[in-house]
Amino acid sequence: MGLFRRLFKSKEKEDLGPAPPTVLPMRNDPCWCNSGLKYKKCHLEQDQIYLEKLRLKKKEASKSCSPKYG
């Protein structure tokens, strides 16, 4: 990695992990990764963590753009 990239690393490129599909299965449906396991035993927890990180990232971005009152 070049010096310029190391100095000006963006927080935007923070790794959130693998993205889940846009339509998530229900808890007892087969997992979207085709592992043969139920979704609740396979990727449910990882997808919830990913979506929570995404929500926090969006919340921080909206706070930085909003005007300060008071």
Protein backbone atom coordinates (compact mmCIF):
# COMPACT_ATOMS: atom_id res chain seq x y z
CA MET A 1 0.00 0.00 0.00
CA GLY A 2 1.37 3.39 -0.96
CA LEU A 3 2.23 6.16 1.45
CA PHE A 4 -0.57 8.39 0.17
CA ARG A 5 -3.20 5.69 0.71
CA ARG A 6 -1.95 4.94 4.21
CA LEU A 7 -2.02 8.61 5.19
CA PHE A 8 -5.48 9.33 3.82
CA LYS A 9 -7.28 6.11 4.63
CA SER A 10 -11.02 6.61 4.53
CA LYS A 11 -13.36 5.38 7.26
CA GLU A 12 -15.88 4.70 4.49
CA LYS A 13 -14.04 1.50 3.56
CA GLU A 14 -14.59 -0.09 6.96
CA ASP A 15 -15.14 -3.79 6.52
CA LEU A 16 -18.59 -4.88 7.62
CA GLY A 17 -18.11 -8.48 6.57
CA PRO A 18 -19.98 -10.38 3.88
CA ALA A 19 -23.29 -8.82 2.92
CA PRO A 20 -26.44 -10.92 3.37
CA PRO A 21 -28.92 -11.20 0.49
CA THR A 22 -31.51 -8.45 0.12
CA VAL A 23 -34.39 -10.75 1.09
CA LEU A 24 -33.55 -12.77 4.19
CA PRO A 25 -35.19 -16.15 4.87
CA MET A 26 -37.33 -16.80 7.92
CA ARG A 27 -35.71 -18.47 10.95
CA ASN A 28 -36.73 -22.05 10.09
CA ASP A 29 -36.15 -21.82 6.33
CA PRO A 30 -33.01 -23.30 4.76
CA CYS A 31 -30.05 -20.93 4.90
CA TRP A 32 -29.30 -18.76 1.87
CA CYS A 33 -25.73 -20.14 1.67
CA ASN A 34 -27.02 -23.63 0.71
CA SER A 35 -25.26 -25.30 3.63
CA GLY A 36 -28.26 -27.52 4.35
CA LEU A 37 -28.74 -26.00 7.82
CA LYS A 38 -31.65 -23.91 9.00
CA TYR A 39 -31.07 -20.16 8.79
CA LYS A 40 -31.24 -19.75 12.58
CA LYS A 41 -28.35 -22.20 13.05
CA CYS A 42 -26.21 -20.91 10.18
CA HIS A 43 -26.18 -17.19 9.30
CA LEU A 44 -28.89 -15.52 11.42
CA GLU A 45 -26.51 -14.11 14.03
CA GLN A 46 -23.91 -12.95 11.48
CA ASP A 47 -26.57 -11.20 9.40
CA GLN A 48 -27.97 -9.43 12.48
CA ILE A 49 -24.48 -8.18 13.39
CA TYR A 50 -23.91 -6.97 9.81
CA LEU A 51 -27.22 -5.11 9.70
CA GLU A 52 -26.60 -3.49 13.11
CA LYS A 53 -23.18 -2.23 11.96
CA LEU A 54 -24.81 -0.88 8.81
CA ARG A 55 -27.47 0.95 10.86
CA LEU A 56 -24.83 2.50 13.14
CA LYS A 57 -22.76 3.59 10.15
CA LYS A 58 -25.80 5.28 8.56
CA LYS A 59 -26.72 6.89 11.88
CA GLU A 60 -23.20 8.35 12.28
CA ALA A 61 -23.27 9.65 8.71
CA SER A 62 -26.59 11.39 9.26
CA LYS A 63 -25.36 12.98 12.50
CA SER A 64 -22.29 14.43 10.81
CA CYS A 65 -24.45 16.07 8.11
CA SER A 66 -27.13 17.52 10.37
CA PRO A 67 -26.91 21.11 11.66
CA LYS A 68 -26.14 21.63 15.33
CA TYR A 69 -28.93 23.30 17.30
CA GLY A 70 -28.93 24.46 20.84
